Structures are given as C-alpha cells and as structure tokens.
Amino acid sequence: MALGFSASTRQYRDITVVDVRGRFTLIEGEAIHELIADLFRDGRKKVLLNLRDVSYLDSSGLAQLVRALCTARKTGAELKAVDLSPRAAEVLKLTNLTAVFADFPDEQAAIQSFAT
C-alpha cells in the first residue's frame, strides 16, 4: 500500500528539517513550497528537505523544488536536500539540476554542510 503524502518539521539547532513522505507531484510540491516559504517568513534561514520517504517524484514536483530553491535564494536562505531516492536523483541528474540543488548522502552530512 502506498504511503499518503505528509510533511512535518523538526528543529536541529538553527536548521529546520522538513521530512516529506509519499508521492511528490504538483499538488504536494505546492504544499511543500508554501511550508518552506512560511518558514523563511518566520526567519528560518536554513532548511533541509529530507526526501528519504518520497516514493515518487515527477516533473511537476521537481518544478516545485526548483521554485522553493528560488524562493530560498530570494530571501537569503539556504535550502538543501538529503536522501533522494535513486529515481529522484536520476531525474535531477538528467535535468542537470544537481549543479544547483545539492543532495547529500545522509542527514548528518547535510547538516554539517550548513556550517561551511
């Protein structure tokens, strides 16, 4: 049985981790973008998307990730991703978005990257 979509946040020092589960398409991507934009408006400047439990990412979901990244840059915030599924990582590579959207092999590496 497929997982339903959900997103939750947790705090690790000054980094807000957004745990995303389920399918990541246009509607879910819009919800994630709004959540991230709200975090930036609340003054959170370091956001990490944990995509470990994303079962599916399509081009619409990918477009929403890019939109969220643009919002981060406009607000002077940082947005990073961790634990992309093999399929999601392949989509980013094929679209050459790995050059602008850093992915990290595990959450600790991603968290440490904010300090550098």
PDB file of N, CA and C in Angstrom:
ATOM      1  N   MET A   1       0.840  -1.187   0.000  1.00  0.00           N
ATOM      2  CA  MET A   1       0.000   0.000   0.000  1.00  0.00           C
ATOM      3  C   MET A   1       0.882   1.245   0.000  1.00  0.00           C
ATOM      4  N   ALA A   2       0.586   2.184  -0.842  1.00  0.00           N
ATOM      5  CA  ALA A   2       1.390   3.404  -0.961  1.00  0.00           C
ATOM      6  C   ALA A   2       1.157   4.312   0.235  1.00  0.00           C
ATOM      7  N   LEU A   3       2.197   5.002   0.603  1.00  0.00           N
ATOM      8  CA  LEU A   3       2.102   5.961   1.694  1.00  0.00           C
ATOM      9  C   LEU A   3       1.360   7.204   1.235  1.00  0.00           C
ATOM     10  N   GLY A   4       0.517   7.766   2.091  1.00  0.00           N
ATOM     11  CA  GLY A   4      -0.094   9.052   1.800  1.00  0.00           C
ATOM     12  C   GLY A   4       0.930  10.149   1.970  1.00  0.00           C
ATOM     13  N   PHE A   5       0.660  11.286   1.391  1.00  0.00           N
ATOM     14  CA  PHE A   5       1.586  12.408   1.485  1.00  0.00           C
ATOM     15  C   PHE A   5       1.519  13.040   2.864  1.00  0.00           C
ATOM     16  N   SER A   6       2.670  13.388   3.389  1.00  0.00           N
ATOM     17  CA  SER A   6       2.728  14.170   4.618  1.00  0.00           C
ATOM     18  C   SER A   6       4.056  14.910   4.666  1.00  0.00           C
ATOM     19  N   ALA A   7       4.055  15.989   5.422  1.00  0.00           N
ATOM     20  CA  ALA A   7       5.276  16.765   5.644  1.00  0.00           C
ATOM     21  C   ALA A   7       5.250  17.237   7.088  1.00  0.00           C
ATOM     22  N   SER A   8       6.355  17.063   7.768  1.00  0.00           N
ATOM     23  CA  SER A   8       6.456  17.526   9.149  1.00  0.00           C
ATOM     24  C   SER A   8       7.805  18.196   9.328  1.00  0.00           C
ATOM     25  N   THR A   9       7.891  19.061  10.321  1.00  0.00           N
ATOM     26  CA  THR A   9       9.147  19.767  10.571  1.00  0.00           C
ATOM     27  C   THR A   9       9.680  19.406  11.943  1.00  0.00           C
ATOM     28  N   ARG A  10      10.979  19.498  12.052  1.00  0.00           N
ATOM     29  CA  ARG A  10      11.664  19.341  13.333  1.00  0.00           C
ATOM     30  C   ARG A  10      12.876  20.254  13.305  1.00  0.00           C
ATOM     31  N   GLN A  11      13.349  20.599  14.452  1.00  0.00           N
ATOM     32  CA  GLN A  11      14.448  21.549  14.558  1.00  0.00           C
ATOM     33  C   GLN A  11      15.716  20.850  15.016  1.00  0.00           C
ATOM     34  N   TYR A  12      16.842  21.144  14.374  1.00  0.00           N
ATOM     35  CA  TYR A  12      18.154  20.696  14.812  1.00  0.00           C
ATOM     36  C   TYR A  12      19.023  21.948  14.854  1.00  0.00           C
ATOM     37  N   ARG A  13      19.235  22.455  16.062  1.00  0.00           N
ATOM     38  CA  ARG A  13      19.902  23.743  16.262  1.00  0.00           C
ATOM     39  C   ARG A  13      19.196  24.811  15.446  1.00  0.00           C
ATOM     40  N   ASP A  14      19.892  25.489  14.531  1.00  0.00           N
ATOM     41  CA  ASP A  14      19.252  26.536  13.737  1.00  0.00           C
ATOM     42  C   ASP A  14      18.798  26.032  12.368  1.00  0.00           C
ATOM     43  N   ILE A  15      18.750  24.722  12.197  1.00  0.00           N
ATOM     44  CA  ILE A  15      18.339  24.111  10.931  1.00  0.00           C
ATOM     45  C   ILE A  15      16.958  23.494  11.096  1.00  0.00           C
ATOM     46  N   THR A  16      16.056  23.845  10.198  1.00  0.00           N
ATOM     47  CA  THR A  16      14.728  23.242  10.193  1.00  0.00           C
ATOM     48  C   THR A  16      14.736  22.102   9.188  1.00  0.00           C
ATOM     49  N   VAL A  17      14.430  20.912   9.662  1.00  0.00           N
ATOM     50  CA  VAL A  17      14.368  19.735   8.804  1.00  0.00           C
ATOM     51  C   VAL A  17      12.909  19.484   8.457  1.00  0.00           C
ATOM     52  N   VAL A  18      12.630  19.358   7.160  1.00  0.00           N
ATOM     53  CA  VAL A  18      11.281  19.061   6.688  1.00  0.00           C
ATOM     54  C   VAL A  18      11.299  17.622   6.174  1.00  0.00           C
ATOM     55  N   ASP A  19      10.606  16.743   6.891  1.00  0.00           N
ATOM     56  CA  ASP A  19      10.502  15.340   6.500  1.00  0.00           C
ATOM     57  C   ASP A  19       9.296  15.171   5.577  1.00  0.00           C
ATOM     58  N   VAL A  20       9.545  14.702   4.370  1.00  0.00           N
ATOM     59  CA  VAL A  20       8.498  14.551   3.362  1.00  0.00           C
ATOM     60  C   VAL A  20       8.279  13.060   3.104  1.00  0.00           C
ATOM     61  N   ARG A  21       7.001  12.654   3.032  1.00  0.00           N
ATOM     62  CA  ARG A  21       6.648  11.250   2.779  1.00  0.00           C
ATOM     63  C   ARG A  21       5.639  11.160   1.636  1.00  0.00           C
ATOM     64  N   GLY A  22       5.741  10.086   0.881  1.00  0.00           N
ATOM     65  CA  GLY A  22       4.744   9.786  -0.140  1.00  0.00           C
ATOM     66  C   GLY A  22       5.101  10.339  -1.507  1.00  0.00           C
ATOM     67  N   ARG A  23       4.077  10.498  -2.329  1.00  0.00           N
ATOM     68  CA  ARG A  23       4.256  10.994  -3.691  1.00  0.00           C
ATOM     69  C   ARG A  23       4.509  12.504  -3.676  1.00  0.00           C
ATOM     70  N   PHE A  24       5.371  12.952  -4.575  1.00  0.00           N
ATOM     71  CA  PHE A  24       5.732  14.364  -4.659  1.00  0.00           C
ATOM     72  C   PHE A  24       5.440  14.817  -6.080  1.00  0.00           C
ATOM     73  N   THR A  25       4.212  15.327  -6.272  1.00  0.00           N
ATOM     74  CA  THR A  25       3.790  15.811  -7.576  1.00  0.00           C
ATOM     75  C   THR A  25       3.409  17.287  -7.432  1.00  0.00           C
ATOM     76  N   LEU A  26       2.676  17.813  -8.364  1.00  0.00           N
ATOM     77  CA  LEU A  26       2.357  19.242  -8.361  1.00  0.00           C
ATOM     78  C   LEU A  26       1.664  19.697  -7.073  1.00  0.00           C
ATOM     79  N   ILE A  27       0.604  19.024  -6.688  1.00  0.00           N
ATOM     80  CA  ILE A  27      -0.167  19.462  -5.514  1.00  0.00           C
ATOM     81  C   ILE A  27       0.679  19.372  -4.246  1.00  0.00           C
ATOM     82  N   GLU A  28       1.374  18.258  -4.069  1.00  0.00           N
ATOM     83  CA  GLU A  28       2.232  18.108  -2.890  1.00  0.00           C
ATOM     84  C   GLU A  28       3.386  19.106  -2.940  1.00  0.00           C
ATOM     85  N   GLY A  29       3.914  19.328  -4.136  1.00  0.00           N
ATOM     86  CA  GLY A  29       5.006  20.288  -4.292  1.00  0.00           C
ATOM     87  C   GLY A  29       4.587  21.696  -3.929  1.00  0.00           C
ATOM     88  N   GLU A  30       3.365  22.068  -4.302  1.00  0.00           N
ATOM     89  CA  GLU A  30       2.854  23.390  -3.928  1.00  0.00           C
ATOM     90  C   GLU A  30       2.730  23.502  -2.411  1.00  0.00           C
ATOM     91  N   ALA A  31       2.280  22.428  -1.765  1.00  0.00           N
ATOM     92  CA  ALA A  31       2.166  22.435  -0.305  1.00  0.00           C
ATOM     93  C   ALA A  31       3.542  22.577   0.347  1.00  0.00           C
ATOM     94  N   ILE A  32       4.533  21.878  -0.189  1.00  0.00           N
ATOM     95  CA  ILE A  32       5.899  21.982   0.346  1.00  0.00           C
ATOM     96  C   ILE A  32       6.435  23.391   0.134  1.00  0.00           C
ATOM     97  N   HIS A  33       6.196  23.958  -1.057  1.00  0.00           N
ATOM     98  CA  HIS A  33       6.673  25.319  -1.315  1.00  0.00           C
ATOM     99  C   HIS A  33       6.062  26.297  -0.318  1.00  0.00           C
ATOM    100  N   GLU A  34       4.779  26.200  -0.063  1.00  0.00           N
ATOM    101  CA  GLU A  34       4.128  27.100   0.904  1.00  0.00           C
ATOM    102  C   GLU A  34       4.694  26.913   2.307  1.00  0.00           C
ATOM    103  N   LEU A  35       4.927  25.670   2.702  1.00  0.00           N
ATOM    104  CA  LEU A  35       5.517  25.393   4.010  1.00  0.00           C
ATOM    105  C   LEU A  35       6.899  26.028   4.123  1.00  0.00           C
ATOM    106  N   ILE A  36       7.713  25.842   3.087  1.00  0.00           N
ATOM    107  CA  ILE A  36       9.068  26.409   3.093  1.00  0.00           C
ATOM    108  C   ILE A  36       9.017  27.934   3.082  1.00  0.00           C
ATOM    109  N   ALA A  37       8.147  28.514   2.270  1.00  0.00           N
ATOM    110  CA  ALA A  37       8.012  29.976   2.235  1.00  0.00           C
ATOM    111  C   ALA A  37       7.603  30.507   3.605  1.00  0.00           C
ATOM    112  N   ASP A  38       6.700  29.812   4.285  1.00  0.00           N
ATOM    113  CA  ASP A  38       6.302  30.212   5.644  1.00  0.00           C
ATOM    114  C   ASP A  38       7.491  30.153   6.608  1.00  0.00           C
ATOM    115  N   LEU A  39       8.307  29.119   6.476  1.00  0.00           N
ATOM    116  CA  LEU A  39       9.493  29.010   7.333  1.00  0.00           C
ATOM    117  C   LEU A  39      10.429  30.192   7.107  1.00  0.00           C
ATOM    118  N   PHE A  40      10.632  30.560   5.844  1.00  0.00           N
ATOM    119  CA  PHE A  40      11.501  31.692   5.534  1.00  0.00           C
ATOM    120  C   PHE A  40      10.906  32.984   6.092  1.00  0.00           C
ATOM    121  N   ARG A  41       9.595  33.157   5.962  1.00  0.00           N
ATOM    122  CA  ARG A  41       8.941  34.356   6.505  1.00  0.00           C
ATOM    123  C   ARG A  41       9.064  34.415   8.026  1.00  0.00           C
ATOM    124  N   ASP A  42       9.127  33.247   8.656  1.00  0.00           N
ATOM    125  CA  ASP A  42       9.283  33.183  10.112  1.00  0.00           C
ATOM    126  C   ASP A  42      10.732  33.382  10.555  1.00  0.00           C
ATOM    127  N   GLY A  43      11.617  33.620   9.579  1.00  0.00           N
ATOM    128  CA  GLY A  43      13.016  33.897   9.922  1.00  0.00           C
ATOM    129  C   GLY A  43      13.931  32.691   9.895  1.00  0.00           C
ATOM    130  N   ARG A  44      13.417  31.556   9.498  1.00  0.00           N
ATOM    131  CA  ARG A  44      14.269  30.364   9.391  1.00  0.00           C
ATOM    132  C   ARG A  44      15.096  30.503   8.116  1.00  0.00           C
ATOM    133  N   LYS A  45      16.397  30.414   8.230  1.00  0.00           N
ATOM    134  CA  LYS A  45      17.269  30.644   7.081  1.00  0.00           C
ATOM    135  C   LYS A  45      17.984  29.388   6.586  1.00  0.00           C
ATOM    136  N   LYS A  46      17.851  28.295   7.332  1.00  0.00           N
ATOM    137  CA  LYS A  46      18.491  27.037   6.935  1.00  0.00           C
ATOM    138  C   LYS A  46      17.438  25.948   6.973  1.00  0.00           C
ATOM    139  N   VAL A  47      17.106  25.443   5.792  1.00  0.00           N
ATOM    140  CA  VAL A  47      16.065  24.420   5.687  1.00  0.00           C
ATOM    141  C   VAL A  47      16.621  23.219   4.931  1.00  0.00           C
ATOM    142  N   LEU A  48      16.383  22.060   5.499  1.00  0.00           N
ATOM    143  CA  LEU A  48      16.834  20.807   4.907  1.00  0.00           C
ATOM    144  C   LEU A  48      15.615  19.941   4.602  1.00  0.00           C
ATOM    145  N   LEU A  49      15.454  19.587   3.337  1.00  0.00           N
ATOM    146  CA  LEU A  49      14.374  18.687   2.929  1.00  0.00           C
ATOM    147  C   LEU A  49      14.874  17.254   3.021  1.00  0.00           C
ATOM    148  N   ASN A  50      14.250  16.461   3.870  1.00  0.00           N
ATOM    149  CA  ASN A  50      14.586  15.051   3.975  1.00  0.00           C
ATOM    150  C   ASN A  50      13.600  14.298   3.093  1.00  0.00           C
ATOM    151  N   LEU A  51      14.092  13.776   1.979  1.00  0.00           N
ATOM    152  CA  LEU A  51      13.245  13.140   0.977  1.00  0.00           C
ATOM    153  C   LEU A  51      13.350  11.615   0.998  1.00  0.00           C
ATOM    154  N   ARG A  52      13.867  11.081   2.068  1.00  0.00           N
ATOM    155  CA  ARG A  52      14.088   9.638   2.189  1.00  0.00           C
ATOM    156  C   ARG A  52      12.816   8.833   1.922  1.00  0.00           C
ATOM    157  N   ASP A  53      11.675   9.319   2.395  1.00  0.00           N
ATOM    158  CA  ASP A  53      10.426   8.567   2.272  1.00  0.00           C
ATOM    159  C   ASP A  53       9.542   9.035   1.119  1.00  0.00           C
ATOM    160  N   VAL A  54      10.128   9.740   0.148  1.00  0.00           N
ATOM    161  CA  VAL A  54       9.386  10.127  -1.047  1.00  0.00           C
ATOM    162  C   VAL A  54       9.379   8.922  -1.982  1.00  0.00           C
ATOM    163  N   SER A  55       8.182   8.442  -2.293  1.00  0.00           N
ATOM    164  CA  SER A  55       8.060   7.243  -3.113  1.00  0.00           C
ATOM    165  C   SER A  55       8.053   7.551  -4.604  1.00  0.00           C
ATOM    166  N   TYR A  56       7.740   8.797  -4.966  1.00  0.00           N
ATOM    167  CA  TYR A  56       7.620   9.157  -6.376  1.00  0.00           C
ATOM    168  C   TYR A  56       7.834  10.648  -6.523  1.00  0.00           C
ATOM    169  N   LEU A  57       8.627  11.032  -7.516  1.00  0.00           N
ATOM    170  CA  LEU A  57       8.856  12.445  -7.836  1.00  0.00           C
ATOM    171  C   LEU A  57       8.690  12.604  -9.328  1.00  0.00           C
ATOM    172  N   ASP A  58       7.743  13.464  -9.739  1.00  0.00           N
ATOM    173  CA  ASP A  58       7.570  13.692 -11.174  1.00  0.00           C
ATOM    174  C   ASP A  58       8.076  15.086 -11.538  1.00  0.00           C
ATOM    175  N   SER A  59       7.933  15.447 -12.810  1.00  0.00           N
ATOM    176  CA  SER A  59       8.470  16.732 -13.280  1.00  0.00           C
ATOM    177  C   SER A  59       7.781  17.912 -12.600  1.00  0.00           C
ATOM    178  N   SER A  60       6.498  17.785 -12.268  1.00  0.00           N
ATOM    179  CA  SER A  60       5.794  18.868 -11.573  1.00  0.00           C
ATOM    180  C   SER A  60       6.339  19.051 -10.162  1.00  0.00           C
ATOM    181  N   GLY A  61       6.602  17.940  -9.483  1.00  0.00           N
ATOM    182  CA  GLY A  61       7.196  18.006  -8.151  1.00  0.00           C
ATOM    183  C   GLY A  61       8.590  18.603  -8.207  1.00  0.00           C
ATOM    184  N   LEU A  62       9.333  18.209  -9.223  1.00  0.00           N
ATOM    185  CA  LEU A  62      10.674  18.746  -9.435  1.00  0.00           C
ATOM    186  C   LEU A  62      10.624  20.251  -9.664  1.00  0.00           C
ATOM    187  N   ALA A  63       9.651  20.695 -10.449  1.00  0.00           N
ATOM    188  CA  ALA A  63       9.494  22.132 -10.700  1.00  0.00           C
ATOM    189  C   ALA A  63       9.214  22.877  -9.390  1.00  0.00           C
ATOM    190  N   GLN A  64       8.458  22.264  -8.500  1.00  0.00           N
ATOM    191  CA  GLN A  64       8.174  22.902  -7.216  1.00  0.00           C
ATOM    192  C   GLN A  64       9.423  22.951  -6.335  1.00  0.00           C
ATOM    193  N   LEU A  65      10.291  21.952  -6.438  1.00  0.00           N
ATOM    194  CA  LEU A  65      11.574  22.002  -5.716  1.00  0.00           C
ATOM    195  C   LEU A  65      12.413  23.172  -6.210  1.00  0.00           C
ATOM    196  N   VAL A  66      12.454  23.348  -7.518  1.00  0.00           N
ATOM    197  CA  VAL A  66      13.211  24.465  -8.100  1.00  0.00           C
ATOM    198  C   VAL A  66      12.602  25.792  -7.655  1.00  0.00           C
ATOM    199  N   ARG A  67      11.292  25.864  -7.643  1.00  0.00           N
ATOM    200  CA  ARG A  67      10.601  27.079  -7.184  1.00  0.00           C
ATOM    201  C   ARG A  67      10.960  27.386  -5.726  1.00  0.00           C
ATOM    202  N   ALA A  68      10.977  26.354  -4.891  1.00  0.00           N
ATOM    203  CA  ALA A  68      11.336  26.541  -3.479  1.00  0.00           C
ATOM    204  C   ALA A  68      12.788  27.007  -3.358  1.00  0.00           C
ATOM    205  N   LEU A  69      13.654  26.474  -4.199  1.00  0.00           N
ATOM    206  CA  LEU A  69      15.054  26.891  -4.187  1.00  0.00           C
ATOM    207  C   LEU A  69      15.185  28.360  -4.582  1.00  0.00           C
ATOM    208  N   CYS A  70      14.423  28.780  -5.573  1.00  0.00           N
ATOM    209  CA  CYS A  70      14.425  30.194  -5.991  1.00  0.00           C
ATOM    210  C   CYS A  70      13.920  31.085  -4.866  1.00  0.00           C
ATOM    211  N   THR A  71      12.879  30.662  -4.179  1.00  0.00           N
ATOM    212  CA  THR A  71      12.357  31.422  -3.039  1.00  0.00           C
ATOM    213  C   THR A  71      13.410  31.540  -1.957  1.00  0.00           C
ATOM    214  N   ALA A  72      14.129  30.465  -1.703  1.00  0.00           N
ATOM    215  CA  ALA A  72      15.196  30.495  -0.700  1.00  0.00           C
ATOM    216  C   ALA A  72      16.251  31.537  -1.077  1.00  0.00           C
ATOM    217  N   ARG A  73      16.659  31.508  -2.311  1.00  0.00           N
ATOM    218  CA  ARG A  73      17.700  32.451  -2.748  1.00  0.00           C
ATOM    219  C   ARG A  73      17.228  33.897  -2.681  1.00  0.00           C
ATOM    220  N   LYS A  74      15.971  34.134  -3.010  1.00  0.00           N
ATOM    221  CA  LYS A  74      15.423  35.497  -2.954  1.00  0.00           C
ATOM    222  C   LYS A  74      15.363  36.033  -1.532  1.00  0.00           C
ATOM    223  N   THR A  75      15.205  35.144  -0.572  1.00  0.00           N
ATOM    224  CA  THR A  75      15.078  35.566   0.828  1.00  0.00           C
ATOM    225  C   THR A  75      16.386  35.445   1.597  1.00  0.00           C
ATOM    226  N   GLY A  76      17.465  35.078   0.910  1.00  0.00           N
ATOM    227  CA  GLY A  76      18.759  34.949   1.573  1.00  0.00           C
ATOM    228  C   GLY A  76      18.856  33.716   2.456  1.00  0.00           C
ATOM    229  N   ALA A  77      18.052  32.716   2.158  1.00  0.00           N
ATOM    230  CA  ALA A  77      18.050  31.481   2.941  1.00  0.00           C
ATOM    231  C   ALA A  77      18.748  30.372   2.158  1.00  0.00           C
ATOM    232  N   GLU A  78      18.995  29.259   2.853  1.00  0.00           N
ATOM    233  CA  GLU A  78      19.594  28.093   2.224  1.00  0.00           C
ATOM    234  C   GLU A  78      18.598  26.954   2.256  1.00  0.00           C
ATOM    235  N   LEU A  79      18.484  26.248   1.135  1.00  0.00           N
ATOM    236  CA  LEU A  79      17.625  25.076   1.032  1.00  0.00           C
ATOM    237  C   LEU A  79      18.456  23.944   0.456  1.00  0.00           C
ATOM    238  N   LYS A  80      18.484  22.827   1.176  1.00  0.00           N
ATOM    239  CA  LYS A  80      19.240  21.660   0.724  1.00  0.00           C
ATOM    240  C   LYS A  80      18.356  20.431   0.842  1.00  0.00           C
ATOM    241  N   ALA A  81      18.778  19.367   0.160  1.00  0.00           N
ATOM    242  CA  ALA A  81      18.016  18.118   0.184  1.00  0.00           C
ATOM    243  C   ALA A  81      18.915  16.972   0.622  1.00  0.00           C
ATOM    244  N   VAL A  82      18.296  15.983   1.221  1.00  0.00           N
ATOM    245  CA  VAL A  82      19.038  14.799   1.650  1.00  0.00           C
ATOM    246  C   VAL A  82      18.215  13.558   1.347  1.00  0.00           C
ATOM    247  N   ASP A  83      18.916  12.484   1.085  1.00  0.00           N
ATOM    248  CA  ASP A  83      18.313  11.162   0.888  1.00  0.00           C
ATOM    249  C   ASP A  83      17.337  11.102  -0.279  1.00  0.00           C
ATOM    250  N   LEU A  84      17.755  11.635  -1.421  1.00  0.00           N
ATOM    251  CA  LEU A  84      16.932  11.484  -2.613  1.00  0.00           C
ATOM    252  C   LEU A  84      16.858  10.005  -2.985  1.00  0.00           C
ATOM    253  N   SER A  85      15.703   9.575  -3.387  1.00  0.00           N
ATOM    254  CA  SER A  85      15.570   8.202  -3.875  1.00  0.00           C
ATOM    255  C   SER A  85      16.412   8.077  -5.141  1.00  0.00           C
ATOM    256  N   PRO A  86      16.789   6.864  -5.513  1.00  0.00           N
ATOM    257  CA  PRO A  86      17.575   6.705  -6.746  1.00  0.00           C
ATOM    258  C   PRO A  86      16.874   7.326  -7.961  1.00  0.00           C
ATOM    259  N   ARG A  87      15.560   7.176  -8.059  1.00  0.00           N
ATOM    260  CA  ARG A  87      14.809   7.738  -9.188  1.00  0.00           C
ATOM    261  C   ARG A  87      14.846   9.266  -9.155  1.00  0.00           C
ATOM    262  N   ALA A  88      14.634   9.854  -7.980  1.00  0.00           N
ATOM    263  CA  ALA A  88      14.657  11.317  -7.866  1.00  0.00           C
ATOM    264  C   ALA A  88      16.052  11.851  -8.196  1.00  0.00           C
ATOM    265  N   ALA A  89      17.071  11.184  -7.709  1.00  0.00           N
ATOM    266  CA  ALA A  89      18.441  11.605  -8.001  1.00  0.00           C
ATOM    267  C   ALA A  89      18.719  11.522  -9.500  1.00  0.00           C
ATOM    268  N   GLU A  90      18.172  10.482 -10.147  1.00  0.00           N
ATOM    269  CA  GLU A  90      18.344  10.334 -11.587  1.00  0.00           C
ATOM    270  C   GLU A  90      17.660  11.475 -12.338  1.00  0.00           C
ATOM    271  N   VAL A  91      16.455  11.843 -11.911  1.00  0.00           N
ATOM    272  CA  VAL A  91      15.728  12.944 -12.544  1.00  0.00           C
ATOM    273  C   VAL A  91      16.524  14.242 -12.402  1.00  0.00           C
ATOM    274  N   LEU A  92      17.064  14.508 -11.218  1.00  0.00           N
ATOM    275  CA  LEU A  92      17.878  15.713 -11.029  1.00  0.00           C
ATOM    276  C   LEU A  92      19.111  15.691 -11.922  1.00  0.00           C
ATOM    277  N   LYS A  93      19.733  14.529 -12.040  1.00  0.00           N
ATOM    278  CA  LYS A  93      20.929  14.422 -12.871  1.00  0.00           C
ATOM    279  C   LYS A  93      20.584  14.639 -14.339  1.00  0.00           C
ATOM    280  N   LEU A  94      19.500  14.022 -14.808  1.00  0.00           N
ATOM    281  CA  LEU A  94      19.102  14.157 -16.209  1.00  0.00           C
ATOM    282  C   LEU A  94      18.737  15.587 -16.575  1.00  0.00           C
ATOM    283  N   THR A  95      18.197  16.329 -15.623  1.00  0.00           N
ATOM    284  CA  THR A  95      17.806  17.716 -15.881  1.00  0.00           C
ATOM    285  C   THR A  95      18.919  18.699 -15.531  1.00  0.00           C
ATOM    286  N   ASN A  96      20.072  18.168 -15.148  1.00  0.00           N
ATOM    287  CA  ASN A  96      21.236  18.965 -14.786  1.00  0.00           C
ATOM    288  C   ASN A  96      20.968  19.873 -13.579  1.00  0.00           C
ATOM    289  N   LEU A  97      20.041  19.478 -12.737  1.00  0.00           N
ATOM    290  CA  LEU A  97      19.746  20.269 -11.540  1.00  0.00           C
ATOM    291  C   LEU A  97      20.636  19.905 -10.359  1.00  0.00           C
ATOM    292  N   THR A  98      21.465  18.884 -10.513  1.00  0.00           N
ATOM    293  CA  THR A  98      22.400  18.559  -9.441  1.00  0.00           C
ATOM    294  C   THR A  98      23.413  19.685  -9.264  1.00  0.00           C
ATOM    295  N   ALA A  99      23.594  20.490 -10.299  1.00  0.00           N
ATOM    296  CA  ALA A  99      24.531  21.613 -10.217  1.00  0.00           C
ATOM    297  C   ALA A  99      24.005  22.727  -9.312  1.00  0.00           C
ATOM    298  N   VAL A 100      22.676  22.824  -9.163  1.00  0.00           N
ATOM    299  CA  VAL A 100      22.108  23.908  -8.359  1.00  0.00           C
ATOM    300  C   VAL A 100      21.397  23.416  -7.100  1.00  0.00           C
ATOM    301  N   PHE A 101      21.093  22.121  -7.032  1.00  0.00           N
ATOM    302  CA  PHE A 101      20.378  21.589  -5.888  1.00  0.00           C
ATOM    303  C   PHE A 101      21.211  20.478  -5.281  1.00  0.00           C
ATOM    304  N   ALA A 102      21.999  20.835  -4.279  1.00  0.00           N
ATOM    305  CA  ALA A 102      22.903  19.871  -3.664  1.00  0.00           C
ATOM    306  C   ALA A 102      22.122  18.770  -2.955  1.00  0.00           C
ATOM    307  N   ASP A 103      22.555  17.550  -3.141  1.00  0.00           N
ATOM    308  CA  ASP A 103      21.997  16.405  -2.430  1.00  0.00           C
ATOM    309  C   ASP A 103      23.124  15.800  -1.604  1.00  0.00           C
ATOM    310  N   PHE A 104      22.788  15.294  -0.445  1.00  0.00           N
ATOM    311  CA  PHE A 104      23.777  14.725   0.451  1.00  0.00           C
ATOM    312  C   PHE A 104      23.395  13.291   0.771  1.00  0.00           C
ATOM    313  N   PRO A 105      24.383  12.436   1.020  1.00  0.00           N
ATOM    314  CA  PRO A 105      24.105  11.016   1.230  1.00  0.00           C
ATOM    315  C   PRO A 105      23.379  10.707   2.543  1.00  0.00           C
ATOM    316  N   ASP A 106      23.557  11.564   3.538  1.00  0.00           N
ATOM    317  CA  ASP A 106      22.869  11.337   4.804  1.00  0.00           C
ATOM    318  C   ASP A 106      22.610  12.668   5.498  1.00  0.00           C
ATOM    319  N   GLU A 107      21.744  12.618   6.482  1.00  0.00           N
ATOM    320  CA  GLU A 107      21.312  13.850   7.147  1.00  0.00           C
ATOM    321  C   GLU A 107      22.462  14.558   7.864  1.00  0.00           C
ATOM    322  N   GLN A 108      23.353  13.803   8.485  1.00  0.00           N
ATOM    323  CA  GLN A 108      24.470  14.419   9.206  1.00  0.00           C
ATOM    324  C   GLN A 108      25.368  15.208   8.259  1.00  0.00           C
ATOM    325  N   ALA A 109      25.657  14.666   7.083  1.00  0.00           N
ATOM    326  CA  ALA A 109      26.479  15.376   6.097  1.00  0.00           C
ATOM    327  C   ALA A 109      25.791  16.658   5.646  1.00  0.00           C
ATOM    328  N   ALA A 110      24.483  16.596   5.453  1.00  0.00           N
ATOM    329  CA  ALA A 110      23.739  17.782   5.033  1.00  0.00           C
ATOM    330  C   ALA A 110      23.754  18.844   6.131  1.00  0.00           C
ATOM    331  N   ILE A 111      23.545  18.438   7.344  1.00  0.00           N
ATOM    332  CA  ILE A 111      23.560  19.374   8.473  1.00  0.00           C
ATOM    333  C   ILE A 111      24.928  20.038   8.592  1.00  0.00           C
ATOM    334  N   GLN A 112      25.983  19.250   8.469  1.00  0.00           N
ATOM    335  CA  GLN A 112      27.337  19.807   8.562  1.00  0.00           C
ATOM    336  C   GLN A 112      27.629  20.776   7.420  1.00  0.00           C
ATOM    337  N   SER A 113      27.010  20.590   6.277  1.00  0.00           N
ATOM    338  CA  SER A 113      27.265  21.462   5.133  1.00  0.00           C
ATOM    339  C   SER A 113      26.759  22.880   5.368  1.00  0.00           C
ATOM    340  N   PHE A 114      25.787  23.054   6.256  1.00  0.00           N
ATOM    341  CA  PHE A 114      25.300  24.395   6.547  1.00  0.00           C
ATOM    342  C   PHE A 114      26.339  25.225   7.279  1.00  0.00           C
ATOM    343  N   ALA A 115      27.218  24.591   8.011  1.00  0.00           N
ATOM    344  CA  ALA A 115      28.226  25.306   8.792  1.00  0.00           C
ATOM    345  C   ALA A 115      29.361  25.827   7.928  1.00  0.00           C
ATOM    346  N   THR A 116      29.558  25.217   6.754  1.00  0.00           N
ATOM    347  CA  THR A 116      30.706  25.602   5.922  1.00  0.00           C
ATOM    348  C   THR A 116      30.343  26.741   4.993  1.00  0.00           C
TER     349      THR A 116
END
